[in-house]
Every structure is written in C-alpha cells, then in structure tokens.
Amino acid sequence: MKQEVEKVGYPYLFRYRMDNDFTLDEIKNNYIYFSDRNSLNDPFDSSPDLIRFKEDRSNSKKYLDLFKDQLPSHIPSNLLDKYSENELIELTKSSIPKYLNSFGIACFSMIPYVNMTLWAHYANNHRGICIQYLTENDEIFFKNLQVVKYFEKLNQIDFNPLENESNILDVFYMKDANWQYEKELRLVRFEKGKINLKSNSIRNIICGYKASEKFIESLKSIVKDYHPHIGIFQMDKPIKQNKISLTKIV
C-alpha cells in the first residue's frame, strides 16, 4: 500500500517550518499560528493599496458601521454625527489598513517536500521541516481554505462596503506571479495568534536533509509523548535532480 507521506493533492496540504522552538511548540500543542499581513514575505501581499474605495456620499455615515472598531481611539462613535461627509469618507478610508491587519493568515502549499525553493525560503535551507496535513480530519478548521491566485499585474479591487462587504477579503488571495512556485492555499480569519486544530490532522513530518540531530530528537520526543500517530521521515541528501527519497525515523 502506498505510504501516506507520498500522497499529494487535496485533501492533503503541506506547510514548511523553521527548526526552532516555535515550530516544536506548534506541533506539541497542536495549533497553527495565524499572523497578520505585516509578517508576510511579500510587501505587496494583501496591501491596503490594492483596495480602491468607491465613494457613495449618500450613505457615507453607514460606512463606518463596518469599521467602528478600527477608528482612532480619540474619536468616540457618538461624535460621528458632527463630521462632514468628506470627513466620514476619509475616516473610513484611513480605517481600511487597520481593518486588514486585524485578520490572521495561515499559509499552506499544494507542493510536498520535493520543492527545493520552499525548503530554502521557509525551512531554513533544509534544516527545518515540512508538515503534511489531512484536511478531512478537521473540516471545521480548514473550512474556508482558499487557493491563492497569481497575477502578472496586481490590479486594485473596487470596494464599497455597502454593496459587497466581503469583496475586500479578495486581497488576501492574490499575489504577484513571481510567487506562483509556492502553489499556495490560505486560511484567513478575523483573529490572530494560536488557533488549535485536531491532532490527527497532522499526518507526517518530513525533516530536511540538513536537520540537526538535536532538533530531530526533540521532534521524536514530542511525537512519542503527545502524537504517536504522526510519522517522522528525513529527506536523504539529493544526489540526482528531481529525485527525492525519504528515510523513516518513526
């Protein structure tokens, strides 16, 4: 029977991680960290500059109902009636960056452990790990998973919160074509930080061929004590191009 670690494509996902204590804690305590857009590698990724605000002056006061939590602290909502239409519109525009930064983002890839560039960029040049997830084992956690689309030119999104509030979220799923090697999928939530998922969602962990013995021993200890269902493998040092082999550790 084909080993699960060799299975690719939906419902399997992969996530490349560094060889550090944060990664070990994430596995031990069964969570994924959702970071804000400022932590992403690409400075244009999910940028507020990609939002083109469509003004509707007849409903300017209603705009701020969606953004009251993002208003500057010195502007109580009960004072909004004193603002002119232009001032209300400008307040709404200025609240969009903070609104976008309030979302948490978790990134995954459709590409398994064969992509050398992903190892280099996200797993400390083969010293980290690649985690294989099975989304079917926690359908609630992975419910809103979406594919990232890549564009030669990132065009602005027309946004009027009174017409289509969710339209603004499209900005999280569009990236420059230079990043298309990642074959990325994302979860975006209106919260940041550690969010737990079911333990059996993690199926296997593949260590890079440069992973240290100390880091691998730490992984083995965590799996033995907390998640014995997880398999641990290590990539053998590549000898031939496009030829990858694994050695089972646990």
C-alpha atoms as a PDB file:
ATOM      1  CA  MET A   1       0.000   0.000   0.000  1.00  0.00           C
ATOM      2  CA  LYS A   2       1.285   3.436  -0.884  1.00  0.00           C
ATOM      3  CA  GLN A   3       2.586   5.294   2.164  1.00  0.00           C
ATOM      4  CA  GLU A   4       0.515   8.267   3.220  1.00  0.00           C
ATOM      5  CA  VAL A   5       3.555  10.522   3.240  1.00  0.00           C
ATOM      6  CA  GLU A   6       3.709  10.123  -0.553  1.00  0.00           C
ATOM      7  CA  LYS A   7       0.143  11.299  -1.094  1.00  0.00           C
ATOM      8  CA  VAL A   8      -0.277  14.760  -2.608  1.00  0.00           C
ATOM      9  CA  GLY A   9      -3.168  16.923  -3.729  1.00  0.00           C
ATOM     10  CA  TYR A  10      -6.394  17.714  -1.916  1.00  0.00           C
ATOM     11  CA  PRO A  11      -7.254  16.800   0.842  1.00  0.00           C
ATOM     12  CA  TYR A  12      -3.537  16.846   1.722  1.00  0.00           C
ATOM     13  CA  LEU A  13      -1.697  20.101   2.433  1.00  0.00           C
ATOM     14  CA  PHE A  14       1.899  20.944   3.284  1.00  0.00           C
ATOM     15  CA  ARG A  15       3.468  23.605   5.475  1.00  0.00           C
ATOM     16  CA  TYR A  16       7.175  24.375   5.659  1.00  0.00           C
ATOM     17  CA  ARG A  17       8.519  25.390   9.073  1.00  0.00           C
ATOM     18  CA  MET A  18      11.768  26.523  10.637  1.00  0.00           C
ATOM     19  CA  ASP A  19      13.896  24.431  13.011  1.00  0.00           C
ATOM     20  CA  ASN A  20      13.133  26.379  16.169  1.00  0.00           C
ATOM     21  CA  ASP A  21      11.236  26.234  19.451  1.00  0.00           C
ATOM     22  CA  PHE A  22       8.170  27.915  17.923  1.00  0.00           C
ATOM     23  CA  THR A  23       7.772  25.031  15.479  1.00  0.00           C
ATOM     24  CA  LEU A  24       8.232  22.424  18.218  1.00  0.00           C
ATOM     25  CA  ASP A  25       5.645  24.178  20.392  1.00  0.00           C
ATOM     26  CA  GLU A  26       3.202  24.362  17.470  1.00  0.00           C
ATOM     27  CA  ILE A  27       3.405  20.597  16.984  1.00  0.00           C
ATOM     28  CA  LYS A  28       3.368  19.714  20.676  1.00  0.00           C
ATOM     29  CA  ASN A  29       0.366  21.896  21.493  1.00  0.00           C
ATOM     30  CA  ASN A  30      -1.498  21.260  18.288  1.00  0.00           C
ATOM     31  CA  TYR A  31      -2.029  24.709  16.801  1.00  0.00           C
ATOM     32  CA  ILE A  32      -1.237  26.860  13.813  1.00  0.00           C
ATOM     33  CA  TYR A  33      -0.175  30.454  14.282  1.00  0.00           C
ATOM     34  CA  PHE A  34      -2.173  32.999  12.263  1.00  0.00           C
ATOM     35  CA  SER A  35      -0.064  36.096  11.623  1.00  0.00           C
ATOM     36  CA  ASP A  36      -1.055  39.492  10.242  1.00  0.00           C
ATOM     37  CA  ARG A  37      -0.183  40.738   6.767  1.00  0.00           C
ATOM     38  CA  ASN A  38       2.831  42.705   8.041  1.00  0.00           C
ATOM     39  CA  SER A  39       4.572  39.401   8.795  1.00  0.00           C
ATOM     40  CA  LEU A  40       4.313  38.127   5.205  1.00  0.00           C
ATOM     41  CA  ASN A  41       7.417  37.936   2.999  1.00  0.00           C
ATOM     42  CA  ASP A  42       5.976  39.924   0.113  1.00  0.00           C
ATOM     43  CA  PRO A  43       5.477  43.638   0.974  1.00  0.00           C
ATOM     44  CA  PHE A  44       2.733  43.859  -1.683  1.00  0.00           C
ATOM     45  CA  ASP A  45       0.858  40.859  -0.312  1.00  0.00           C
ATOM     46  CA  SER A  46      -2.621  41.868   0.936  1.00  0.00           C
ATOM     47  CA  SER A  47      -1.646  45.526   0.764  1.00  0.00           C
ATOM     48  CA  PRO A  48      -4.270  48.173   1.599  1.00  0.00           C
ATOM     49  CA  ASP A  49      -3.022  49.981  -1.521  1.00  0.00           C
ATOM     50  CA  LEU A  50      -4.774  47.293  -3.562  1.00  0.00           C
ATOM     51  CA  ILE A  51      -8.165  48.488  -2.268  1.00  0.00           C
ATOM     52  CA  ARG A  52      -9.863  51.190  -4.326  1.00  0.00           C
ATOM     53  CA  PHE A  53     -12.565  52.668  -2.147  1.00  0.00           C
ATOM     54  CA  LYS A  54     -15.776  53.505  -4.030  1.00  0.00           C
ATOM     55  CA  GLU A  55     -17.437  56.531  -2.530  1.00  0.00           C
ATOM     56  CA  ASP A  56     -21.180  56.729  -2.065  1.00  0.00           C
ATOM     57  CA  ARG A  57     -21.806  60.032  -0.380  1.00  0.00           C
ATOM     58  CA  SER A  58     -25.497  59.376   0.072  1.00  0.00           C
ATOM     59  CA  ASN A  59     -24.590  56.641   2.558  1.00  0.00           C
ATOM     60  CA  SER A  60     -21.337  57.947   3.984  1.00  0.00           C
ATOM     61  CA  LYS A  61     -22.404  57.555   7.628  1.00  0.00           C
ATOM     62  CA  LYS A  62     -23.248  53.897   7.130  1.00  0.00           C
ATOM     63  CA  TYR A  63     -19.701  53.091   6.016  1.00  0.00           C
ATOM     64  CA  LEU A  64     -18.347  53.411   9.485  1.00  0.00           C
ATOM     65  CA  ASP A  65     -20.696  50.818  10.959  1.00  0.00           C
ATOM     66  CA  LEU A  66     -18.331  48.227   9.499  1.00  0.00           C
ATOM     67  CA  PHE A  67     -15.180  49.886  10.776  1.00  0.00           C
ATOM     68  CA  LYS A  68     -16.002  51.333  14.205  1.00  0.00           C
ATOM     69  CA  ASP A  69     -13.523  49.007  15.907  1.00  0.00           C
ATOM     70  CA  GLN A  70     -10.773  50.399  13.702  1.00  0.00           C
ATOM     71  CA  LEU A  71     -11.467  54.074  14.384  1.00  0.00           C
ATOM     72  CA  PRO A  72      -8.797  56.096  16.150  1.00  0.00           C
ATOM     73  CA  SER A  73      -9.267  55.896  19.919  1.00  0.00           C
ATOM     74  CA  HIS A  74      -9.737  59.653  20.223  1.00  0.00           C
ATOM     75  CA  ILE A  75     -12.897  59.543  18.061  1.00  0.00           C
ATOM     76  CA  PRO A  76     -15.860  58.138  20.050  1.00  0.00           C
ATOM     77  CA  SER A  77     -18.529  56.734  17.761  1.00  0.00           C
ATOM     78  CA  ASN A  78     -21.181  59.005  19.247  1.00  0.00           C
ATOM     79  CA  LEU A  79     -19.319  62.017  17.854  1.00  0.00           C
ATOM     80  CA  LEU A  80     -19.509  60.840  14.265  1.00  0.00           C
ATOM     81  CA  ASP A  81     -22.663  62.844  13.629  1.00  0.00           C
ATOM     82  CA  LYS A  82     -20.580  66.004  13.892  1.00  0.00           C
ATOM     83  CA  TYR A  83     -18.390  65.028  10.963  1.00  0.00           C
ATOM     84  CA  SER A  84     -18.998  66.166   7.428  1.00  0.00           C
ATOM     85  CA  GLU A  85     -19.472  63.706   4.567  1.00  0.00           C
ATOM     86  CA  ASN A  86     -15.917  64.270   3.378  1.00  0.00           C
ATOM     87  CA  GLU A  87     -14.539  63.711   6.868  1.00  0.00           C
ATOM     88  CA  LEU A  88     -16.542  60.499   7.298  1.00  0.00           C
ATOM     89  CA  ILE A  89     -15.308  59.153   3.985  1.00  0.00           C
ATOM     90  CA  GLU A  90     -11.702  59.975   4.844  1.00  0.00           C
ATOM     91  CA  LEU A  91     -12.105  58.285   8.233  1.00  0.00           C
ATOM     92  CA  THR A  92     -13.414  55.183   6.529  1.00  0.00           C
ATOM     93  CA  LYS A  93     -10.534  55.131   4.065  1.00  0.00           C
ATOM     94  CA  SER A  94      -7.991  55.510   6.858  1.00  0.00           C
ATOM     95  CA  SER A  95      -9.537  52.608   8.788  1.00  0.00           C
ATOM     96  CA  ILE A  96      -9.041  50.080   5.965  1.00  0.00           C
ATOM     97  CA  PRO A  97      -5.344  49.291   6.696  1.00  0.00           C
ATOM     98  CA  LYS A  98      -6.088  48.620  10.356  1.00  0.00           C
ATOM     99  CA  TYR A  99      -9.092  46.524   9.349  1.00  0.00           C
ATOM    100  CA  LEU A 100      -6.953  44.355   7.057  1.00  0.00           C
ATOM    101  CA  ASN A 101      -4.281  43.991   9.738  1.00  0.00           C
ATOM    102  CA  SER A 102      -6.881  42.635  12.156  1.00  0.00           C
ATOM    103  CA  PHE A 103      -7.106  39.402  10.128  1.00  0.00           C
ATOM    104  CA  GLY A 104      -4.873  36.415  10.778  1.00  0.00           C
ATOM    105  CA  ILE A 105      -3.365  34.444   7.888  1.00  0.00           C
ATOM    106  CA  ALA A 106      -2.069  30.861   7.752  1.00  0.00           C
ATOM    107  CA  CYS A 107      -0.262  29.722   4.609  1.00  0.00           C
ATOM    108  CA  PHE A 108      -0.024  26.240   3.134  1.00  0.00           C
ATOM    109  CA  SER A 109       1.190  24.713  -0.098  1.00  0.00           C
ATOM    110  CA  MET A 110      -0.108  22.099  -2.504  1.00  0.00           C
ATOM    111  CA  ILE A 111       3.541  21.220  -3.149  1.00  0.00           C
ATOM    112  CA  PRO A 112       5.005  18.426  -0.989  1.00  0.00           C
ATOM    113  CA  TYR A 113       8.604  18.022   0.137  1.00  0.00           C
ATOM    114  CA  VAL A 114      10.039  17.987  -3.411  1.00  0.00           C
ATOM    115  CA  ASN A 115      10.217  21.775  -3.861  1.00  0.00           C
ATOM    116  CA  MET A 116      13.769  22.928  -3.126  1.00  0.00           C
ATOM    117  CA  THR A 117      12.840  26.625  -3.164  1.00  0.00           C
ATOM    118  CA  LEU A 118      10.220  26.215  -0.439  1.00  0.00           C
ATOM    119  CA  TRP A 119      12.746  24.379   1.709  1.00  0.00           C
ATOM    120  CA  ALA A 120      15.232  27.196   1.199  1.00  0.00           C
ATOM    121  CA  HIS A 121      12.813  30.049   1.896  1.00  0.00           C
ATOM    122  CA  TYR A 122      10.630  28.673   4.677  1.00  0.00           C
ATOM    123  CA  ALA A 123      12.509  25.782   6.310  1.00  0.00           C
ATOM    124  CA  ASN A 124      15.925  27.327   6.946  1.00  0.00           C
ATOM    125  CA  ASN A 125      17.551  25.861   3.867  1.00  0.00           C
ATOM    126  CA  HIS A 126      16.611  22.210   4.562  1.00  0.00           C
ATOM    127  CA  ARG A 127      17.257  22.404   8.318  1.00  0.00           C
ATOM    128  CA  GLY A 128      13.562  22.691   9.154  1.00  0.00           C
ATOM    129  CA  ILE A 129      10.578  20.509   8.369  1.00  0.00           C
ATOM    130  CA  CYS A 130       7.652  20.032   6.017  1.00  0.00           C
ATOM    131  CA  ILE A 131       4.388  19.067   7.734  1.00  0.00           C
ATOM    132  CA  GLN A 132       1.743  17.064   5.910  1.00  0.00           C
ATOM    133  CA  TYR A 133      -1.890  17.741   6.918  1.00  0.00           C
ATOM    134  CA  LEU A 134      -5.068  15.866   6.078  1.00  0.00           C
ATOM    135  CA  THR A 135      -7.864  18.445   5.920  1.00  0.00           C
ATOM    136  CA  GLU A 136     -10.613  15.817   6.093  1.00  0.00           C
ATOM    137  CA  ASN A 137      -9.664  15.138   9.717  1.00  0.00           C
ATOM    138  CA  ASP A 138     -10.673  18.639  10.793  1.00  0.00           C
ATOM    139  CA  GLU A 139     -13.149  20.026   8.294  1.00  0.00           C
ATOM    140  CA  ILE A 140     -14.200  22.852  10.620  1.00  0.00           C
ATOM    141  CA  PHE A 141     -10.664  24.215  10.965  1.00  0.00           C
ATOM    142  CA  PHE A 142      -9.980  24.013   7.218  1.00  0.00           C
ATOM    143  CA  LYS A 143     -13.495  25.068   6.182  1.00  0.00           C
ATOM    144  CA  ASN A 144     -12.630  28.341   4.436  1.00  0.00           C
ATOM    145  CA  LEU A 145      -9.380  27.259   2.810  1.00  0.00           C
ATOM    146  CA  GLN A 146      -8.881  29.065  -0.495  1.00  0.00           C
ATOM    147  CA  VAL A 147      -6.382  28.915  -3.340  1.00  0.00           C
ATOM    148  CA  VAL A 148      -4.152  31.935  -3.910  1.00  0.00           C
ATOM    149  CA  LYS A 149      -4.306  33.346  -7.459  1.00  0.00           C
ATOM    150  CA  TYR A 150      -1.241  34.795  -9.164  1.00  0.00           C
ATOM    151  CA  PHE A 151      -1.199  37.802 -11.485  1.00  0.00           C
ATOM    152  CA  GLU A 152       1.389  39.464 -13.697  1.00  0.00           C
ATOM    153  CA  LYS A 153      -0.115  42.749 -12.552  1.00  0.00           C
ATOM    154  CA  LEU A 154      -1.961  43.279  -9.288  1.00  0.00           C
ATOM    155  CA  ASN A 155      -4.984  45.410 -10.065  1.00  0.00           C
ATOM    156  CA  GLN A 156      -6.915  47.272  -7.411  1.00  0.00           C
ATOM    157  CA  ILE A 157     -10.136  45.857  -6.023  1.00  0.00           C
ATOM    158  CA  ASP A 158     -13.153  48.151  -6.167  1.00  0.00           C
ATOM    159  CA  PHE A 159     -14.634  48.157  -2.700  1.00  0.00           C
ATOM    160  CA  ASN A 160     -17.897  49.613  -1.461  1.00  0.00           C
ATOM    161  CA  PRO A 161     -18.813  48.060   1.904  1.00  0.00           C
ATOM    162  CA  LEU A 162     -22.488  48.834   1.340  1.00  0.00           C
ATOM    163  CA  GLU A 163     -22.565  46.776  -1.849  1.00  0.00           C
ATOM    164  CA  ASN A 164     -20.311  43.847  -1.031  1.00  0.00           C
ATOM    165  CA  GLU A 165     -18.611  43.796   2.345  1.00  0.00           C
ATOM    166  CA  SER A 166     -16.721  40.549   1.685  1.00  0.00           C
ATOM    167  CA  ASN A 167     -15.173  41.879  -1.519  1.00  0.00           C
ATOM    168  CA  ILE A 168     -12.329  43.395   0.477  1.00  0.00           C
ATOM    169  CA  LEU A 169     -11.190  39.922   1.562  1.00  0.00           C
ATOM    170  CA  ASP A 170     -10.210  39.067  -2.014  1.00  0.00           C
ATOM    171  CA  VAL A 171      -7.000  40.984  -1.384  1.00  0.00           C
ATOM    172  CA  PHE A 172      -5.730  38.112   0.784  1.00  0.00           C
ATOM    173  CA  TYR A 173      -5.871  35.643  -2.104  1.00  0.00           C
ATOM    174  CA  MET A 174      -3.988  37.487  -4.848  1.00  0.00           C
ATOM    175  CA  LYS A 175      -0.211  37.617  -5.284  1.00  0.00           C
ATOM    176  CA  ASP A 176       2.385  38.617  -7.829  1.00  0.00           C
ATOM    177  CA  ALA A 177       3.169  35.915 -10.405  1.00  0.00           C
ATOM    178  CA  ASN A 178       6.758  35.736  -9.119  1.00  0.00           C
ATOM    179  CA  TRP A 179       5.420  33.755  -6.157  1.00  0.00           C
ATOM    180  CA  GLN A 180       3.462  31.170  -8.107  1.00  0.00           C
ATOM    181  CA  TYR A 181       6.062  28.451  -7.415  1.00  0.00           C
ATOM    182  CA  GLU A 182       4.550  28.272  -3.915  1.00  0.00           C
ATOM    183  CA  LYS A 183       1.177  26.931  -5.145  1.00  0.00           C
ATOM    184  CA  GLU A 184      -0.271  28.471  -2.020  1.00  0.00           C
ATOM    185  CA  LEU A 185      -3.542  27.974  -0.179  1.00  0.00           C
ATOM    186  CA  ARG A 186      -4.643  30.127   2.711  1.00  0.00           C
ATOM    187  CA  LEU A 187      -6.866  30.283   5.721  1.00  0.00           C
ATOM    188  CA  VAL A 188      -7.883  33.810   6.701  1.00  0.00           C
ATOM    189  CA  ARG A 189      -9.675  34.511   9.973  1.00  0.00           C
ATOM    190  CA  PHE A 190     -10.811  37.570  11.868  1.00  0.00           C
ATOM    191  CA  GLU A 191      -8.404  36.687  14.674  1.00  0.00           C
ATOM    192  CA  LYS A 192      -4.670  36.270  15.062  1.00  0.00           C
ATOM    193  CA  GLY A 193      -2.359  34.081  17.089  1.00  0.00           C
ATOM    194  CA  LYS A 194      -2.537  30.426  18.072  1.00  0.00           C
ATOM    195  CA  ILE A 195      -5.569  28.520  16.798  1.00  0.00           C
ATOM    196  CA  ASN A 196      -5.878  24.846  17.662  1.00  0.00           C
ATOM    197  CA  LEU A 197      -6.752  22.063  15.288  1.00  0.00           C
ATOM    198  CA  LYS A 198      -7.383  18.362  15.795  1.00  0.00           C
ATOM    199  CA  SER A 199      -4.253  16.354  16.498  1.00  0.00           C
ATOM    200  CA  ASN A 200      -4.859  13.750  13.821  1.00  0.00           C
ATOM    201  CA  SER A 201      -4.854  16.470  11.131  1.00  0.00           C
ATOM    202  CA  ILE A 202      -1.059  16.201  11.169  1.00  0.00           C
ATOM    203  CA  ARG A 203      -0.146  13.002   9.380  1.00  0.00           C
ATOM    204  CA  ASN A 204       3.608  13.144   8.786  1.00  0.00           C
ATOM    205  CA  ILE A 205       6.624  15.345   9.364  1.00  0.00           C
ATOM    206  CA  ILE A 206       9.492  15.380   6.877  1.00  0.00           C
ATOM    207  CA  CYS A 207      12.791  16.706   8.197  1.00  0.00           C
ATOM    208  CA  GLY A 208      15.162  18.425   5.826  1.00  0.00           C
ATOM    209  CA  TYR A 209      18.358  16.605   4.951  1.00  0.00           C
ATOM    210  CA  LYS A 210      20.341  19.213   6.920  1.00  0.00           C
ATOM    211  CA  ALA A 211      18.172  18.966  10.060  1.00  0.00           C
ATOM    212  CA  SER A 212      20.272  18.619  13.211  1.00  0.00           C
ATOM    213  CA  GLU A 213      20.211  15.513  15.391  1.00  0.00           C
ATOM    214  CA  LYS A 214      19.169  17.683  18.340  1.00  0.00           C
ATOM    215  CA  PHE A 215      16.136  19.054  16.522  1.00  0.00           C
ATOM    216  CA  ILE A 216      15.113  15.612  15.254  1.00  0.00           C
ATOM    217  CA  GLU A 217      15.420  14.160  18.759  1.00  0.00           C
ATOM    218  CA  SER A 218      13.148  16.919  20.069  1.00  0.00           C
ATOM    219  CA  LEU A 219      10.578  16.086  17.391  1.00  0.00           C
ATOM    220  CA  LYS A 220      10.762  12.376  18.189  1.00  0.00           C
ATOM    221  CA  SER A 221      10.211  13.076  21.884  1.00  0.00           C
ATOM    222  CA  ILE A 222       7.143  15.241  21.208  1.00  0.00           C
ATOM    223  CA  VAL A 223       5.621  12.698  18.831  1.00  0.00           C
ATOM    224  CA  LYS A 224       6.251   9.833  21.237  1.00  0.00           C
ATOM    225  CA  ASP A 225       4.724  11.647  24.212  1.00  0.00           C
ATOM    226  CA  TYR A 226       1.849  13.536  22.568  1.00  0.00           C
ATOM    227  CA  HIS A 227       1.114  12.413  18.999  1.00  0.00           C
ATOM    228  CA  PRO A 228       2.195   8.799  18.387  1.00  0.00           C
ATOM    229  CA  HIS A 229       0.110   8.653  15.189  1.00  0.00           C
ATOM    230  CA  ILE A 230       2.488  11.063  13.408  1.00  0.00           C
ATOM    231  CA  GLY A 231       5.173   9.610  11.196  1.00  0.00           C
ATOM    232  CA  ILE A 232       8.613  11.238  11.063  1.00  0.00           C
ATOM    233  CA  PHE A 233      10.823  10.981   7.984  1.00  0.00           C
ATOM    234  CA  GLN A 234      14.039  12.611   6.874  1.00  0.00           C
ATOM    235  CA  MET A 235      14.863  13.554   3.334  1.00  0.00           C
ATOM    236  CA  ASP A 236      18.017  11.876   2.062  1.00  0.00           C
ATOM    237  CA  LYS A 237      20.543  14.288   0.630  1.00  0.00           C
ATOM    238  CA  PRO A 238      19.556  14.739  -3.043  1.00  0.00           C
ATOM    239  CA  ILE A 239      22.027  13.215  -5.472  1.00  0.00           C
ATOM    240  CA  LYS A 240      20.111  13.444  -8.738  1.00  0.00           C
ATOM    241  CA  GLN A 241      17.930  16.308  -9.929  1.00  0.00           C
ATOM    242  CA  ASN A 242      14.199  15.723  -9.358  1.00  0.00           C
ATOM    243  CA  LYS A 243      14.935  12.515  -7.452  1.00  0.00           C
ATOM    244  CA  ILE A 244      13.913  12.630  -3.782  1.00  0.00           C
ATOM    245  CA  SER A 245      13.964   9.785  -1.288  1.00  0.00           C
ATOM    246  CA  LEU A 246      12.993   9.596   2.383  1.00  0.00           C
ATOM    247  CA  THR A 247      14.176   7.553   5.346  1.00  0.00           C
ATOM    248  CA  LYS A 248      11.608   6.692   8.001  1.00  0.00           C
ATOM    249  CA  ILE A 249      12.637   7.700  11.517  1.00  0.00           C
ATOM    250  CA  VAL A 250       9.437   6.990  13.476  1.00  0.00           C
END
